[in-house]
Amino acid sequence: MNKFFLGLLVSCLIGQTNAASFSEIGDAGELLDTAQVTVGSGPLTSISGSLINLGQAPDDVDDIDLFKIFISDTALFSVTVTSDLSADNDSTLFLFDSLGQLVDFSDDVIGLIPQFNPGDIDDLSIGTYFLGFALYGTWPDASLTEPLSGWDRDPFPFQTGDYRLDLTGAEFSDVPEPTSIALLGLGLAGVGFSRKRKSPN
């Protein structure tokens, strides 16, 4: 029985180590303090999410998804978009540094779809960044000298739907807390010990 629990613990640890994809949980925020933090270990190869109708005004209000990532190779860094939005997939990518200053954006690289290519940011430093995905006609209140403070929304057409961002040169921004993994291990070991004590001699 102990081998079973040990195997389960090892599987959990391996799963955390080899995680490469991240899926939006609920709705990612649109400012630095509400951005979705990518939690995992090792290379981050894709982010999946959805643009939704926020429903905060008489007219449709478009969603903006912001993700905290770690760029480990600025020369290799790239983002390829695959989307299934409700109209024409016209969207935009934004990249902000750790202070929220806009360092790059992309629009209409492949048809109406944005893309970051290897070498686009090779003059930047390795570190924490915020990757944003939004509809065309949605622009950040930010510049090379001012941090992100909000968004100007005027998308046409308004769209909702799913998307996937495939990345190279990136890693998860945060690793899972060791305490949660340790607690899992202790819990499994406790269950195994309890079962062993109850077994007849």
Protein backbone atom coordinates (compact mmCIF):
# COMPACT_ATOMS: atom_id res chain seq x y z
CA MET A 1 0.00 0.00 0.00
CA ASN A 2 2.87 2.38 0.79
CA LYS A 3 4.16 1.92 -2.76
CA PHE A 4 0.80 3.10 -4.07
CA PHE A 5 0.90 6.35 -2.08
CA LEU A 6 4.54 6.93 -2.95
CA GLY A 7 3.71 6.46 -6.62
CA LEU A 8 0.81 8.88 -6.34
CA LEU A 9 3.04 11.49 -4.71
CA VAL A 10 5.72 11.07 -7.40
CA SER A 11 3.05 11.41 -10.10
CA CYS A 12 1.85 14.68 -8.57
CA LEU A 13 5.39 16.04 -8.44
CA ILE A 14 6.14 14.99 -12.02
CA GLY A 15 2.90 16.54 -13.19
CA GLN A 16 3.90 19.87 -11.63
CA THR A 17 7.39 19.70 -13.11
CA ASN A 18 6.36 18.86 -16.67
CA ALA A 19 3.40 21.23 -16.86
CA ALA A 20 3.71 23.28 -20.05
CA SER A 21 0.22 24.63 -20.72
CA PHE A 22 -1.78 27.14 -18.71
CA SER A 23 -5.54 27.65 -18.91
CA GLU A 24 -7.26 30.84 -17.87
CA ILE A 25 -9.05 30.40 -14.54
CA GLY A 26 -12.30 32.35 -14.50
CA ASP A 27 -11.60 35.66 -16.23
CA ALA A 28 -8.07 37.05 -16.33
CA GLY A 29 -7.85 40.66 -15.17
CA GLU A 30 -6.78 43.56 -17.34
CA LEU A 31 -4.41 45.42 -15.00
CA LEU A 32 -1.13 44.33 -13.40
CA ASP A 33 -2.63 43.68 -9.97
CA THR A 34 -5.47 41.57 -11.42
CA ALA A 35 -3.52 39.80 -14.17
CA GLN A 36 -3.69 36.01 -14.17
CA VAL A 37 -0.47 34.60 -12.70
CA THR A 38 0.80 31.58 -14.62
CA VAL A 39 1.72 28.99 -12.00
CA GLY A 40 3.76 25.93 -12.94
CA SER A 41 7.31 24.80 -13.48
CA GLY A 42 9.57 24.88 -16.51
CA PRO A 43 8.79 26.10 -20.03
CA LEU A 44 5.40 27.69 -20.67
CA THR A 45 4.38 26.61 -24.16
CA SER A 46 0.75 27.72 -24.36
CA ILE A 47 -1.98 29.77 -22.71
CA SER A 48 -5.64 29.03 -23.40
CA GLY A 49 -8.44 31.45 -22.63
CA SER A 50 -11.68 33.06 -23.71
CA LEU A 51 -12.79 36.59 -24.48
CA ILE A 52 -16.21 37.16 -22.94
CA ASN A 53 -18.87 39.85 -22.83
CA LEU A 54 -18.29 41.71 -19.59
CA GLY A 55 -21.82 43.12 -19.70
CA GLN A 56 -20.98 46.29 -17.77
CA ALA A 57 -22.67 48.80 -20.07
CA PRO A 58 -25.71 49.14 -22.37
CA ASP A 59 -23.46 48.23 -25.29
CA ASP A 60 -21.23 45.14 -25.26
CA VAL A 61 -18.02 45.68 -23.28
CA ASP A 62 -15.05 43.72 -24.56
CA ASP A 63 -12.82 41.58 -22.41
CA ILE A 64 -9.05 42.06 -22.08
CA ASP A 65 -6.96 39.17 -20.73
CA LEU A 66 -3.60 39.87 -19.11
CA PHE A 67 -1.20 37.10 -18.07
CA LYS A 68 1.95 37.32 -15.97
CA ILE A 69 4.78 35.32 -17.58
CA PHE A 70 8.55 34.99 -17.32
CA ILE A 71 10.55 35.47 -20.54
CA SER A 72 13.67 33.34 -20.28
CA ASP A 73 15.01 33.96 -23.82
CA THR A 74 14.15 37.31 -25.38
CA ALA A 75 15.74 36.38 -28.72
CA LEU A 76 13.64 33.20 -28.95
CA PHE A 77 10.43 34.66 -27.52
CA SER A 78 7.41 34.33 -29.80
CA VAL A 79 3.63 34.17 -29.55
CA THR A 80 1.41 32.57 -32.18
CA VAL A 81 -2.35 33.08 -31.91
CA THR A 82 -5.04 30.54 -32.75
CA SER A 83 -8.53 31.91 -32.14
CA ASP A 84 -12.17 31.07 -32.72
CA LEU A 85 -13.79 34.44 -32.13
CA SER A 86 -17.39 35.04 -33.13
CA ALA A 87 -16.69 37.32 -36.11
CA ASP A 88 -13.39 37.80 -37.96
CA ASN A 89 -10.72 37.02 -35.30
CA ASP A 90 -9.39 40.58 -35.47
CA SER A 91 -7.32 40.86 -32.30
CA THR A 92 -4.19 42.42 -30.82
CA LEU A 93 -1.29 41.31 -28.62
CA PHE A 94 0.41 43.55 -26.07
CA LEU A 95 3.56 43.05 -24.02
CA PHE A 96 4.25 45.06 -20.88
CA ASP A 97 7.34 44.96 -18.68
CA SER A 98 7.20 44.24 -14.94
CA LEU A 99 6.37 47.91 -14.24
CA GLY A 100 3.48 47.92 -16.71
CA GLN A 101 5.17 49.92 -19.43
CA LEU A 102 4.27 48.91 -22.99
CA VAL A 103 7.31 47.38 -24.70
CA ASP A 104 5.72 45.81 -27.80
CA PHE A 105 2.41 45.20 -29.53
CA SER A 106 1.25 43.30 -32.60
CA ASP A 107 -1.69 43.63 -34.97
CA ASP A 108 -2.55 42.09 -38.36
CA VAL A 109 0.55 39.93 -38.92
CA ILE A 110 -1.29 36.96 -40.46
CA GLY A 111 -4.48 38.38 -41.92
CA LEU A 112 -6.19 40.02 -38.94
CA ILE A 113 -4.33 37.88 -36.39
CA PRO A 114 -1.41 39.28 -34.34
CA GLN A 115 1.88 37.49 -33.71
CA PHE A 116 5.19 38.08 -31.94
CA ASN A 117 8.14 36.62 -33.88
CA PRO A 118 11.55 35.50 -32.57
CA GLY A 119 13.85 38.51 -32.45
CA ASP A 120 11.08 41.09 -31.97
CA ILE A 121 12.22 41.84 -28.40
CA ASP A 122 15.82 40.61 -28.43
CA ASP A 123 16.98 43.99 -27.11
CA LEU A 124 15.01 43.53 -23.88
CA SER A 125 16.13 41.85 -20.67
CA ILE A 126 15.13 38.44 -19.35
CA GLY A 127 12.49 38.77 -16.63
CA THR A 128 8.84 39.13 -15.70
CA TYR A 129 6.40 40.49 -18.28
CA PHE A 130 2.66 40.79 -18.80
CA LEU A 131 1.15 39.42 -22.01
CA GLY A 132 -2.19 40.89 -23.07
CA PHE A 133 -4.74 39.65 -25.60
CA ALA A 134 -7.64 41.85 -26.72
CA LEU A 135 -9.88 42.73 -29.65
CA TYR A 136 -8.74 45.15 -32.34
CA GLY A 137 -9.63 48.70 -31.42
CA THR A 138 -8.78 48.16 -27.76
CA TRP A 139 -5.68 50.08 -26.69
CA PRO A 140 -3.87 50.44 -23.36
CA ASP A 141 -3.42 53.69 -21.51
CA ALA A 142 0.33 53.17 -21.36
CA SER A 143 3.51 54.25 -23.09
CA LEU A 144 7.25 53.68 -23.00
CA THR A 145 7.38 56.08 -20.04
CA GLU A 146 4.00 55.58 -18.35
CA PRO A 147 2.73 52.30 -16.82
CA LEU A 148 -0.59 50.68 -17.72
CA SER A 149 -3.45 52.47 -15.98
CA GLY A 150 -6.50 51.41 -18.01
CA TRP A 151 -7.83 50.68 -21.48
CA ASP A 152 -9.60 52.58 -24.27
CA ARG A 153 -12.25 50.31 -25.77
CA ASP A 154 -13.67 50.79 -29.25
CA PRO A 155 -13.63 47.33 -30.85
CA PHE A 156 -15.25 46.72 -34.20
CA PRO A 157 -16.74 44.25 -34.51
CA PHE A 158 -17.39 43.14 -30.95
CA GLN A 159 -16.45 39.45 -30.58
CA THR A 160 -16.31 36.69 -28.01
CA GLY A 161 -14.76 33.23 -28.17
CA ASP A 162 -11.82 31.00 -27.36
CA TYR A 163 -8.15 31.49 -28.17
CA ARG A 164 -4.77 29.83 -27.63
CA LEU A 165 -1.41 31.56 -27.41
CA ASP A 166 1.52 29.29 -28.30
CA LEU A 167 4.79 30.56 -26.84
CA THR A 168 8.51 29.99 -27.16
CA GLY A 169 11.22 31.44 -24.91
CA ALA A 170 8.83 31.72 -21.95
CA GLU A 171 8.37 30.08 -18.57
CA PHE A 172 5.72 30.14 -15.86
CA SER A 173 5.93 33.29 -13.76
CA ASP A 174 5.41 31.53 -10.42
CA VAL A 175 6.24 28.03 -9.22
CA PRO A 176 3.81 26.03 -7.05
CA GLU A 177 4.32 26.61 -3.33
CA PRO A 178 6.54 23.86 -1.86
CA THR A 179 4.36 23.83 1.25
CA SER A 180 1.31 22.67 -0.70
CA ILE A 181 3.29 19.80 -2.24
CA ALA A 182 4.78 18.90 1.16
CA LEU A 183 1.33 18.91 2.77
CA LEU A 184 0.07 16.60 0.04
CA GLY A 185 2.95 14.22 0.71
CA LEU A 186 2.36 14.28 4.47
CA GLY A 187 -1.35 13.67 3.96
CA LEU A 188 -0.73 10.68 1.71
CA ALA A 189 1.87 9.28 4.10
CA GLY A 190 -0.56 9.68 7.01
CA VAL A 191 -3.28 7.79 5.16
CA GLY A 192 -0.82 5.01 4.35
CA PHE A 193 0.36 4.79 7.98
CA SER A 194 -3.22 4.74 9.24
CA ARG A 195 -4.14 1.88 6.92
CA LYS A 196 -1.06 -0.07 7.98
CA ARG A 197 -1.95 0.23 11.68
CA LYS A 198 -5.51 -0.99 11.07
CA SER A 199 -4.43 -4.06 9.13
CA PRO A 200 -4.64 -7.32 11.15
CA ASN A 201 -1.40 -9.00 12.27
